[in-house]
């Protein structure tokens, strides 16, 4: 899926099938569904989940909490528009799926 396809999917509930949890969280965030996005993001206990979680707290204006989650993600809090950061995170997660476990 491309970022444009992901963005286009925001117009059609539910989220596209097969999305990883972090991308489902961003899908809900892209629709302004912060509570749903936050619930999903906080259930993902890895750097990607922390990155999405950080973005969500930055979106709500809780910069101290966002900074904590950026540090857990090993990222710096960006000086970007929220929409630009959302695009950056979605693009990175779409490009770099986790390795398959066999």
PDB file of N, CA and C in Angstrom:
ATOM      1  N   UNK A   1       0.845  -1.172   0.000  1.00  0.00           N
ATOM      2  CA  UNK A   1       0.000   0.000   0.000  1.00  0.00           C
ATOM      3  C   UNK A   1       0.892   1.238   0.000  1.00  0.00           C
ATOM      4  N   UNK A   2       0.497   2.227  -0.766  1.00  0.00           N
ATOM      5  CA  UNK A   2       1.232   3.487  -0.790  1.00  0.00           C
ATOM      6  C   UNK A   2       0.640   4.438   0.243  1.00  0.00           C
ATOM      7  N   UNK A   3       1.370   5.494   0.518  1.00  0.00           N
ATOM      8  CA  UNK A   3       0.851   6.482   1.463  1.00  0.00           C
ATOM      9  C   UNK A   3      -0.405   7.152   0.905  1.00  0.00           C
ATOM     10  N   UNK A   4      -0.465   7.349  -0.411  1.00  0.00           N
ATOM     11  CA  UNK A   4      -1.671   7.936  -1.012  1.00  0.00           C
ATOM     12  C   UNK A   4      -2.862   7.002  -0.850  1.00  0.00           C
ATOM     13  N   UNK A   5      -2.656   5.710  -1.051  1.00  0.00           N
ATOM     14  CA  UNK A   5      -3.744   4.743  -0.852  1.00  0.00           C
ATOM     15  C   UNK A   5      -4.173   4.721   0.619  1.00  0.00           C
ATOM     16  N   UNK A   6      -3.187   4.786   1.504  1.00  0.00           N
ATOM     17  CA  UNK A   6      -3.495   4.820   2.936  1.00  0.00           C
ATOM     18  C   UNK A   6      -4.331   6.050   3.259  1.00  0.00           C
ATOM     19  N   UNK A   7      -3.903   7.194   2.755  1.00  0.00           N
ATOM     20  CA  UNK A   7      -4.623   8.444   3.007  1.00  0.00           C
ATOM     21  C   UNK A   7      -6.040   8.359   2.431  1.00  0.00           C
ATOM     22  N   UNK A   8      -6.175   7.799   1.213  1.00  0.00           N
ATOM     23  CA  UNK A   8      -7.498   7.667   0.596  1.00  0.00           C
ATOM     24  C   UNK A   8      -8.410   6.756   1.409  1.00  0.00           C
ATOM     25  N   UNK A   9      -7.832   5.765   2.085  1.00  0.00           N
ATOM     26  CA  UNK A   9      -8.639   4.818   2.862  1.00  0.00           C
ATOM     27  C   UNK A   9      -9.302   5.470   4.072  1.00  0.00           C
ATOM     28  N   UNK A  10      -8.834   6.648   4.456  1.00  0.00           N
ATOM     29  CA  UNK A  10      -9.415   7.335   5.608  1.00  0.00           C
ATOM     30  C   UNK A  10     -10.886   7.684   5.386  1.00  0.00           C
ATOM     31  N   UNK A  11     -11.303   7.764   4.121  1.00  0.00           N
ATOM     32  CA  UNK A  11     -12.683   8.123   3.802  1.00  0.00           C
ATOM     33  C   UNK A  11     -13.640   6.948   3.968  1.00  0.00           C
ATOM     34  N   UNK A  12     -13.116   5.743   4.125  1.00  0.00           N
ATOM     35  CA  UNK A  12     -13.954   4.552   4.150  1.00  0.00           C
ATOM     36  C   UNK A  12     -13.741   3.734   5.418  1.00  0.00           C
ATOM     37  N   UNK A  13     -14.697   3.776   6.351  1.00  0.00           N
ATOM     38  CA  UNK A  13     -14.547   2.880   7.497  1.00  0.00           C
ATOM     39  C   UNK A  13     -14.862   1.452   7.046  1.00  0.00           C
ATOM     40  N   UNK A  14     -14.346   0.470   7.636  1.00  0.00           N
ATOM     41  CA  UNK A  14     -13.318   0.429   8.672  1.00  0.00           C
ATOM     42  C   UNK A  14     -11.934   0.540   8.052  1.00  0.00           C
ATOM     43  N   UNK A  15     -10.871   0.434   8.880  1.00  0.00           N
ATOM     44  CA  UNK A  15      -9.514   0.479   8.320  1.00  0.00           C
ATOM     45  C   UNK A  15      -9.304  -0.665   7.332  1.00  0.00           C
ATOM     46  N   UNK A  16      -8.391  -0.494   6.397  1.00  0.00           N
ATOM     47  CA  UNK A  16      -8.104  -1.574   5.461  1.00  0.00           C
ATOM     48  C   UNK A  16      -7.703  -2.852   6.209  1.00  0.00           C
ATOM     49  N   UNK A  17      -8.111  -4.005   5.707  1.00  0.00           N
ATOM     50  CA  UNK A  17      -7.755  -5.256   6.381  1.00  0.00           C
ATOM     51  C   UNK A  17      -6.250  -5.502   6.333  1.00  0.00           C
ATOM     52  N   UNK A  18      -5.754  -6.153   7.362  1.00  0.00           N
ATOM     53  CA  UNK A  18      -4.357  -6.570   7.383  1.00  0.00           C
ATOM     54  C   UNK A  18      -3.369  -5.522   7.863  1.00  0.00           C
ATOM     55  N   UNK A  19      -3.836  -4.351   8.292  1.00  0.00           N
ATOM     56  CA  UNK A  19      -2.903  -3.337   8.781  1.00  0.00           C
ATOM     57  C   UNK A  19      -2.334  -3.760  10.126  1.00  0.00           C
ATOM     58  N   UNK A  20      -1.036  -3.513  10.294  1.00  0.00           N
ATOM     59  CA  UNK A  20      -0.427  -3.706  11.608  1.00  0.00           C
ATOM     60  C   UNK A  20      -1.041  -2.703  12.580  1.00  0.00           C
ATOM     61  N   UNK A  21      -0.953  -3.021  13.862  1.00  0.00           N
ATOM     62  CA  UNK A  21      -1.576  -2.187  14.890  1.00  0.00           C
ATOM     63  C   UNK A  21      -1.115  -0.734  14.803  1.00  0.00           C
ATOM     64  N   UNK A  22       0.181  -0.495  14.610  1.00  0.00           N
ATOM     65  CA  UNK A  22       0.665   0.894  14.570  1.00  0.00           C
ATOM     66  C   UNK A  22       0.050   1.665  13.407  1.00  0.00           C
ATOM     67  N   UNK A  23      -0.172   1.002  12.294  1.00  0.00           N
ATOM     68  CA  UNK A  23      -0.802   1.664  11.151  1.00  0.00           C
ATOM     69  C   UNK A  23      -2.295   1.851  11.385  1.00  0.00           C
ATOM     70  N   UNK A  24      -2.939   0.918  12.080  1.00  0.00           N
ATOM     71  CA  UNK A  24      -4.345   1.116  12.446  1.00  0.00           C
ATOM     72  C   UNK A  24      -4.475   2.329  13.369  1.00  0.00           C
ATOM     73  N   UNK A  25      -3.535   2.474  14.298  1.00  0.00           N
ATOM     74  CA  UNK A  25      -3.555   3.636  15.184  1.00  0.00           C
ATOM     75  C   UNK A  25      -3.434   4.921  14.372  1.00  0.00           C
ATOM     76  N   UNK A  26      -2.528   4.947  13.420  1.00  0.00           N
ATOM     77  CA  UNK A  26      -2.363   6.139  12.587  1.00  0.00           C
ATOM     78  C   UNK A  26      -3.574   6.373  11.694  1.00  0.00           C
ATOM     79  N   UNK A  27      -4.216   5.296  11.250  1.00  0.00           N
ATOM     80  CA  UNK A  27      -5.434   5.428  10.451  1.00  0.00           C
ATOM     81  C   UNK A  27      -6.501   6.151  11.281  1.00  0.00           C
ATOM     82  N   UNK A  28      -6.691   5.703  12.524  1.00  0.00           N
ATOM     83  CA  UNK A  28      -7.668   6.370  13.390  1.00  0.00           C
ATOM     84  C   UNK A  28      -7.243   7.813  13.672  1.00  0.00           C
ATOM     85  N   UNK A  29      -5.960   8.038  13.886  1.00  0.00           N
ATOM     86  CA  UNK A  29      -5.472   9.399  14.118  1.00  0.00           C
ATOM     87  C   UNK A  29      -5.762  10.282  12.909  1.00  0.00           C
ATOM     88  N   UNK A  30      -5.567   9.734  11.715  1.00  0.00           N
ATOM     89  CA  UNK A  30      -5.834  10.485  10.490  1.00  0.00           C
ATOM     90  C   UNK A  30      -7.296  10.860  10.322  1.00  0.00           C
ATOM     91  N   UNK A  31      -8.174  10.125  10.982  1.00  0.00           N
ATOM     92  CA  UNK A  31      -9.609  10.425  10.956  1.00  0.00           C
ATOM     93  C   UNK A  31     -10.033  11.275  12.150  1.00  0.00           C
ATOM     94  N   UNK A  32      -9.062  11.662  12.995  1.00  0.00           N
ATOM     95  CA  UNK A  32      -9.392  12.466  14.168  1.00  0.00           C
ATOM     96  C   UNK A  32      -9.951  11.644  15.314  1.00  0.00           C
ATOM     97  N   UNK A  33      -9.767  10.349  15.268  1.00  0.00           N
ATOM     98  CA  UNK A  33     -10.277   9.438  16.302  1.00  0.00           C
ATOM     99  C   UNK A  33      -9.159   9.149  17.299  1.00  0.00           C
ATOM    100  N   UNK A  34      -8.851  10.182  18.113  1.00  0.00           N
ATOM    101  CA  UNK A  34      -7.695  10.130  18.996  1.00  0.00           C
ATOM    102  C   UNK A  34      -7.792   9.006  20.014  1.00  0.00           C
ATOM    103  N   UNK A  35      -8.936   8.837  20.646  1.00  0.00           N
ATOM    104  CA  UNK A  35      -9.068   7.813  21.685  1.00  0.00           C
ATOM    105  C   UNK A  35      -8.795   6.413  21.134  1.00  0.00           C
ATOM    106  N   UNK A  36      -9.372   6.099  19.977  1.00  0.00           N
ATOM    107  CA  UNK A  36      -9.128   4.800  19.359  1.00  0.00           C
ATOM    108  C   UNK A  36      -7.654   4.638  19.008  1.00  0.00           C
ATOM    109  N   UNK A  37      -7.072   5.686  18.442  1.00  0.00           N
ATOM    110  CA  UNK A  37      -5.660   5.644  18.064  1.00  0.00           C
ATOM    111  C   UNK A  37      -4.780   5.426  19.287  1.00  0.00           C
ATOM    112  N   UNK A  38      -5.070   6.143  20.357  1.00  0.00           N
ATOM    113  CA  UNK A  38      -4.272   6.043  21.569  1.00  0.00           C
ATOM    114  C   UNK A  38      -4.378   4.652  22.188  1.00  0.00           C
ATOM    115  N   UNK A  39      -5.573   4.112  22.232  1.00  0.00           N
ATOM    116  CA  UNK A  39      -5.766   2.766  22.803  1.00  0.00           C
ATOM    117  C   UNK A  39      -4.923   1.735  22.058  1.00  0.00           C
ATOM    118  N   UNK A  40      -4.909   1.827  20.747  1.00  0.00           N
ATOM    119  CA  UNK A  40      -4.113   0.879  19.953  1.00  0.00           C
ATOM    120  C   UNK A  40      -2.628   1.116  20.172  1.00  0.00           C
ATOM    121  N   UNK A  41      -2.195   2.370  20.083  1.00  0.00           N
ATOM    122  CA  UNK A  41      -0.762   2.684  20.195  1.00  0.00           C
ATOM    123  C   UNK A  41      -0.196   2.250  21.533  1.00  0.00           C
ATOM    124  N   UNK A  42      -0.937   2.462  22.604  1.00  0.00           N
ATOM    125  CA  UNK A  42      -0.388   2.113  23.903  1.00  0.00           C
ATOM    126  C   UNK A  42      -0.336   0.610  24.125  1.00  0.00           C
ATOM    127  N   UNK A  43      -0.970  -0.165  23.254  1.00  0.00           N
ATOM    128  CA  UNK A  43      -0.903  -1.625  23.371  1.00  0.00           C
ATOM    129  C   UNK A  43       0.297  -2.213  22.634  1.00  0.00           C
ATOM    130  N   UNK A  44       1.006  -1.381  21.875  1.00  0.00           N
ATOM    131  CA  UNK A  44       2.162  -1.855  21.096  1.00  0.00           C
ATOM    132  C   UNK A  44       3.426  -1.481  21.860  1.00  0.00           C
ATOM    133  N   UNK A  45       4.087  -2.487  22.412  1.00  0.00           N
ATOM    134  CA  UNK A  45       5.235  -2.253  23.295  1.00  0.00           C
ATOM    135  C   UNK A  45       6.554  -2.410  22.539  1.00  0.00           C
ATOM    136  N   UNK A  46       6.765  -1.516  21.579  1.00  0.00           N
ATOM    137  CA  UNK A  46       8.045  -1.491  20.873  1.00  0.00           C
ATOM    138  C   UNK A  46       8.301  -0.062  20.403  1.00  0.00           C
ATOM    139  N   UNK A  47       9.411   0.143  19.715  1.00  0.00           N
ATOM    140  CA  UNK A  47       9.796   1.501  19.301  1.00  0.00           C
ATOM    141  C   UNK A  47       8.778   2.117  18.338  1.00  0.00           C
ATOM    142  N   UNK A  48       8.194   1.306  17.461  1.00  0.00           N
ATOM    143  CA  UNK A  48       7.198   1.848  16.534  1.00  0.00           C
ATOM    144  C   UNK A  48       5.964   2.321  17.289  1.00  0.00           C
ATOM    145  N   UNK A  49       5.510   1.507  18.244  1.00  0.00           N
ATOM    146  CA  UNK A  49       4.367   1.898  19.055  1.00  0.00           C
ATOM    147  C   UNK A  49       4.649   3.163  19.840  1.00  0.00           C
ATOM    148  N   UNK A  50       5.867   3.286  20.362  1.00  0.00           N
ATOM    149  CA  UNK A  50       6.254   4.480  21.109  1.00  0.00           C
ATOM    150  C   UNK A  50       6.272   5.706  20.203  1.00  0.00           C
ATOM    151  N   UNK A  51       6.721   5.540  18.965  1.00  0.00           N
ATOM    152  CA  UNK A  51       6.763   6.653  18.010  1.00  0.00           C
ATOM    153  C   UNK A  51       5.349   7.163  17.721  1.00  0.00           C
ATOM    154  N   UNK A  52       4.434   6.234  17.463  1.00  0.00           N
ATOM    155  CA  UNK A  52       3.049   6.621  17.200  1.00  0.00           C
ATOM    156  C   UNK A  52       2.442   7.238  18.461  1.00  0.00           C
ATOM    157  N   UNK A  53       2.705   6.634  19.600  1.00  0.00           N
ATOM    158  CA  UNK A  53       2.203   7.138  20.877  1.00  0.00           C
ATOM    159  C   UNK A  53       2.698   8.571  21.108  1.00  0.00           C
ATOM    160  N   UNK A  54       3.964   8.818  20.817  1.00  0.00           N
ATOM    161  CA  UNK A  54       4.537  10.160  20.961  1.00  0.00           C
ATOM    162  C   UNK A  54       3.802  11.163  20.076  1.00  0.00           C
ATOM    163  N   UNK A  55       3.593  10.777  18.824  1.00  0.00           N
ATOM    164  CA  UNK A  55       2.886  11.660  17.887  1.00  0.00           C
ATOM    165  C   UNK A  55       1.490  11.994  18.406  1.00  0.00           C
ATOM    166  N   UNK A  56       0.815  11.007  18.955  1.00  0.00           N
ATOM    167  CA  UNK A  56      -0.539  11.244  19.469  1.00  0.00           C
ATOM    168  C   UNK A  56      -0.530  12.239  20.626  1.00  0.00           C
ATOM    169  N   UNK A  57       0.435  12.100  21.534  1.00  0.00           N
ATOM    170  CA  UNK A  57       0.496  13.051  22.648  1.00  0.00           C
ATOM    171  C   UNK A  57       0.916  14.439  22.166  1.00  0.00           C
ATOM    172  N   UNK A  58       1.744  14.496  21.148  1.00  0.00           N
ATOM    173  CA  UNK A  58       2.086  15.794  20.561  1.00  0.00           C
ATOM    174  C   UNK A  58       0.842  16.417  19.934  1.00  0.00           C
ATOM    175  N   UNK A  59       0.027  15.589  19.292  1.00  0.00           N
ATOM    176  CA  UNK A  59      -1.214  16.065  18.675  1.00  0.00           C
ATOM    177  C   UNK A  59      -2.145  16.686  19.707  1.00  0.00           C
ATOM    178  N   UNK A  60      -2.231  16.068  20.884  1.00  0.00           N
ATOM    179  CA  UNK A  60      -3.131  16.607  21.906  1.00  0.00           C
ATOM    180  C   UNK A  60      -2.516  17.776  22.660  1.00  0.00           C
ATOM    181  N   UNK A  61      -1.238  18.068  22.396  1.00  0.00           N
ATOM    182  CA  UNK A  61      -0.589  19.197  23.047  1.00  0.00           C
ATOM    183  C   UNK A  61       0.115  18.862  24.350  1.00  0.00           C
ATOM    184  N   UNK A  62       0.209  17.585  24.693  1.00  0.00           N
ATOM    185  CA  UNK A  62       0.887  17.147  25.917  1.00  0.00           C
ATOM    186  C   UNK A  62       2.360  16.875  25.580  1.00  0.00           C
ATOM    187  N   UNK A  63       3.134  17.950  25.497  1.00  0.00           N
ATOM    188  CA  UNK A  63       4.506  17.843  25.006  1.00  0.00           C
ATOM    189  C   UNK A  63       5.430  17.101  25.973  1.00  0.00           C
ATOM    190  N   UNK A  64       5.201  17.203  27.272  1.00  0.00           N
ATOM    191  CA  UNK A  64       6.028  16.446  28.214  1.00  0.00           C
ATOM    192  C   UNK A  64       5.843  14.947  28.016  1.00  0.00           C
ATOM    193  N   UNK A  65       4.602  14.520  27.910  1.00  0.00           N
ATOM    194  CA  UNK A  65       4.313  13.111  27.679  1.00  0.00           C
ATOM    195  C   UNK A  65       4.834  12.684  26.308  1.00  0.00           C
ATOM    196  N   UNK A  66       4.657  13.540  25.306  1.00  0.00           N
ATOM    197  CA  UNK A  66       5.177  13.239  23.976  1.00  0.00           C
ATOM    198  C   UNK A  66       6.690  13.049  24.018  1.00  0.00           C
ATOM    199  N   UNK A  67       7.385  13.911  24.730  1.00  0.00           N
ATOM    200  CA  UNK A  67       8.846  13.801  24.824  1.00  0.00           C
ATOM    201  C   UNK A  67       9.266  12.474  25.429  1.00  0.00           C
ATOM    202  N   UNK A  68       8.541  12.034  26.449  1.00  0.00           N
ATOM    203  CA  UNK A  68       8.834  10.734  27.058  1.00  0.00           C
ATOM    204  C   UNK A  68       8.725   9.627  26.010  1.00  0.00           C
ATOM    205  N   UNK A  69       7.639   9.637  25.233  1.00  0.00           N
ATOM    206  CA  UNK A  69       7.433   8.571  24.245  1.00  0.00           C
ATOM    207  C   UNK A  69       8.414   8.684  23.076  1.00  0.00           C
ATOM    208  N   UNK A  70       8.793   9.902  22.679  1.00  0.00           N
ATOM    209  CA  UNK A  70       9.831  10.028  21.651  1.00  0.00           C
ATOM    210  C   UNK A  70      11.130   9.404  22.151  1.00  0.00           C
ATOM    211  N   UNK A  71      11.452   9.617  23.416  1.00  0.00           N
ATOM    212  CA  UNK A  71      12.688   9.026  23.942  1.00  0.00           C
ATOM    213  C   UNK A  71      12.593   7.503  23.943  1.00  0.00           C
ATOM    214  N   UNK A  72      11.422   6.954  24.255  1.00  0.00           N
ATOM    215  CA  UNK A  72      11.234   5.500  24.208  1.00  0.00           C
ATOM    216  C   UNK A  72      11.382   4.979  22.778  1.00  0.00           C
ATOM    217  N   UNK A  73      11.021   5.804  21.807  1.00  0.00           N
ATOM    218  CA  UNK A  73      11.137   5.437  20.391  1.00  0.00           C
ATOM    219  C   UNK A  73      12.532   5.714  19.840  1.00  0.00           C
ATOM    220  N   UNK A  74      13.398   6.310  20.688  1.00  0.00           N
ATOM    221  CA  UNK A  74      14.739   6.716  20.260  1.00  0.00           C
ATOM    222  C   UNK A  74      14.682   7.723  19.106  1.00  0.00           C
ATOM    223  N   UNK A  75      13.767   8.673  19.264  1.00  0.00           N
ATOM    224  CA  UNK A  75      13.571   9.747  18.284  1.00  0.00           C
ATOM    225  C   UNK A  75      13.571  11.078  19.033  1.00  0.00           C
ATOM    226  N   UNK A  76      13.898  12.125  18.324  1.00  0.00           N
ATOM    227  CA  UNK A  76      13.779  13.480  18.866  1.00  0.00           C
ATOM    228  C   UNK A  76      12.400  14.012  18.519  1.00  0.00           C
ATOM    229  N   UNK A  77      11.868  14.848  19.405  1.00  0.00           N
ATOM    230  CA  UNK A  77      10.588  15.479  19.078  1.00  0.00           C
ATOM    231  C   UNK A  77      10.815  16.396  17.889  1.00  0.00           C
ATOM    232  N   UNK A  78      10.076  16.189  16.810  1.00  0.00           N
ATOM    233  CA  UNK A  78      10.329  16.965  15.591  1.00  0.00           C
ATOM    234  C   UNK A  78       9.767  18.376  15.665  1.00  0.00           C
ATOM    235  N   UNK A  79      10.314  19.215  14.838  1.00  0.00           N
ATOM    236  CA  UNK A  79       9.816  20.578  14.681  1.00  0.00           C
ATOM    237  C   UNK A  79       9.139  20.650  13.309  1.00  0.00           C
ATOM    238  N   UNK A  80       8.106  19.823  13.166  1.00  0.00           N
ATOM    239  CA  UNK A  80       7.362  19.717  11.907  1.00  0.00           C
ATOM    240  C   UNK A  80       5.885  19.959  12.193  1.00  0.00           C
ATOM    241  N   UNK A  81       5.155  20.315  11.165  1.00  0.00           N
ATOM    242  CA  UNK A  81       3.701  20.340  11.300  1.00  0.00           C
ATOM    243  C   UNK A  81       3.231  18.921  11.630  1.00  0.00           C
ATOM    244  N   UNK A  82       2.176  18.815  12.418  1.00  0.00           N
ATOM    245  CA  UNK A  82       1.659  17.504  12.802  1.00  0.00           C
ATOM    246  C   UNK A  82       1.304  16.654  11.586  1.00  0.00           C
ATOM    247  N   UNK A  83       0.723  17.270  10.569  1.00  0.00           N
ATOM    248  CA  UNK A  83       0.341  16.532   9.363  1.00  0.00           C
ATOM    249  C   UNK A  83       1.574  15.996   8.640  1.00  0.00           C
ATOM    250  N   UNK A  84       2.636  16.774   8.633  1.00  0.00           N
ATOM    251  CA  UNK A  84       3.880  16.340   7.996  1.00  0.00           C
ATOM    252  C   UNK A  84       4.481  15.175   8.759  1.00  0.00           C
ATOM    253  N   UNK A  85       4.453  15.266  10.085  1.00  0.00           N
ATOM    254  CA  UNK A  85       4.970  14.154  10.882  1.00  0.00           C
ATOM    255  C   UNK A  85       4.134  12.897  10.659  1.00  0.00           C
ATOM    256  N   UNK A  86       2.816  13.030  10.611  1.00  0.00           N
ATOM    257  CA  UNK A  86       1.936  11.882  10.363  1.00  0.00           C
ATOM    258  C   UNK A  86       2.326  11.215   9.048  1.00  0.00           C
ATOM    259  N   UNK A  87       2.510  12.033   7.995  1.00  0.00           N
ATOM    260  CA  UNK A  87       2.937  11.494   6.697  1.00  0.00           C
ATOM    261  C   UNK A  87       4.271  10.767   6.819  1.00  0.00           C
ATOM    262  N   UNK A  88       5.203  11.346   7.561  1.00  0.00           N
ATOM    263  CA  UNK A  88       6.529  10.756   7.722  1.00  0.00           C
ATOM    264  C   UNK A  88       6.441   9.399   8.423  1.00  0.00           C
ATOM    265  N   UNK A  89       5.648   9.326   9.479  1.00  0.00           N
ATOM    266  CA  UNK A  89       5.529   8.070  10.225  1.00  0.00           C
ATOM    267  C   UNK A  89       4.820   7.019   9.377  1.00  0.00           C
ATOM    268  N   UNK A  90       3.714   7.386   8.755  1.00  0.00           N
ATOM    269  CA  UNK A  90       2.993   6.434   7.902  1.00  0.00           C
ATOM    270  C   UNK A  90       3.918   5.926   6.804  1.00  0.00           C
ATOM    271  N   UNK A  91       4.610   6.836   6.138  1.00  0.00           N
ATOM    272  CA  UNK A  91       5.516   6.433   5.060  1.00  0.00           C
ATOM    273  C   UNK A  91       6.586   5.475   5.535  1.00  0.00           C
ATOM    274  N   UNK A  92       7.182   5.765   6.680  1.00  0.00           N
ATOM    275  CA  UNK A  92       8.233   4.899   7.219  1.00  0.00           C
ATOM    276  C   UNK A  92       7.683   3.521   7.567  1.00  0.00           C
ATOM    277  N   UNK A  93       6.510   3.474   8.176  1.00  0.00           N
ATOM    278  CA  UNK A  93       5.948   2.186   8.581  1.00  0.00           C
ATOM    279  C   UNK A  93       5.453   1.373   7.389  1.00  0.00           C
ATOM    280  N   UNK A  94       4.994   2.048   6.349  1.00  0.00           N
ATOM    281  CA  UNK A  94       4.593   1.320   5.142  1.00  0.00           C
ATOM    282  C   UNK A  94       5.806   0.766   4.392  1.00  0.00           C
ATOM    283  N   UNK A  95       6.916   1.509   4.416  1.00  0.00           N
ATOM    284  CA  UNK A  95       8.139   1.074   3.717  1.00  0.00           C
ATOM    285  C   UNK A  95       8.869  -0.035   4.461  1.00  0.00           C
ATOM    286  N   UNK A  96       8.809  -0.027   5.774  1.00  0.00           N
ATOM    287  CA  UNK A  96       9.627  -0.929   6.582  1.00  0.00           C
ATOM    288  C   UNK A  96       8.768  -1.870   7.422  1.00  0.00           C
ATOM    289  N   UNK A  97       8.113  -2.827   6.769  1.00  0.00           N
ATOM    290  CA  UNK A  97       7.343  -3.775   7.563  1.00  0.00           C
ATOM    291  C   UNK A  97       8.278  -4.632   8.408  1.00  0.00           C
ATOM    292  N   UNK A  98       7.768  -5.152   9.513  1.00  0.00           N
ATOM    293  CA  UNK A  98       8.631  -5.988  10.355  1.00  0.00           C
ATOM    294  C   UNK A  98       9.008  -7.269   9.626  1.00  0.00           C
ATOM    295  N   UNK A  99      10.128  -7.871   9.985  1.00  0.00           N
ATOM    296  CA  UNK A  99      10.515  -9.124   9.327  1.00  0.00           C
ATOM    297  C   UNK A  99       9.498 -10.219   9.620  1.00  0.00           C
ATOM    298  N   UNK A 100       9.319 -11.104   8.650  1.00  0.00           N
ATOM    299  CA  UNK A 100       8.390 -12.232   8.825  1.00  0.00           C
ATOM    300  C   UNK A 100       9.026 -13.300   9.690  1.00  0.00           C
ATOM    301  N   UNK A 101       8.254 -13.819  10.583  1.00  0.00           N
ATOM    302  CA  UNK A 101       8.719 -14.908  11.442  1.00  0.00           C
ATOM    303  C   UNK A 101       8.249 -16.208  10.801  1.00  0.00           C
ATOM    304  N   UNK A 102       9.181 -17.119  10.600  1.00  0.00           N
ATOM    305  CA  UNK A 102       8.801 -18.404   9.973  1.00  0.00           C
ATOM    306  C   UNK A 102       8.864 -19.530  10.969  1.00  0.00           C
TER     307      UNK A 102
END
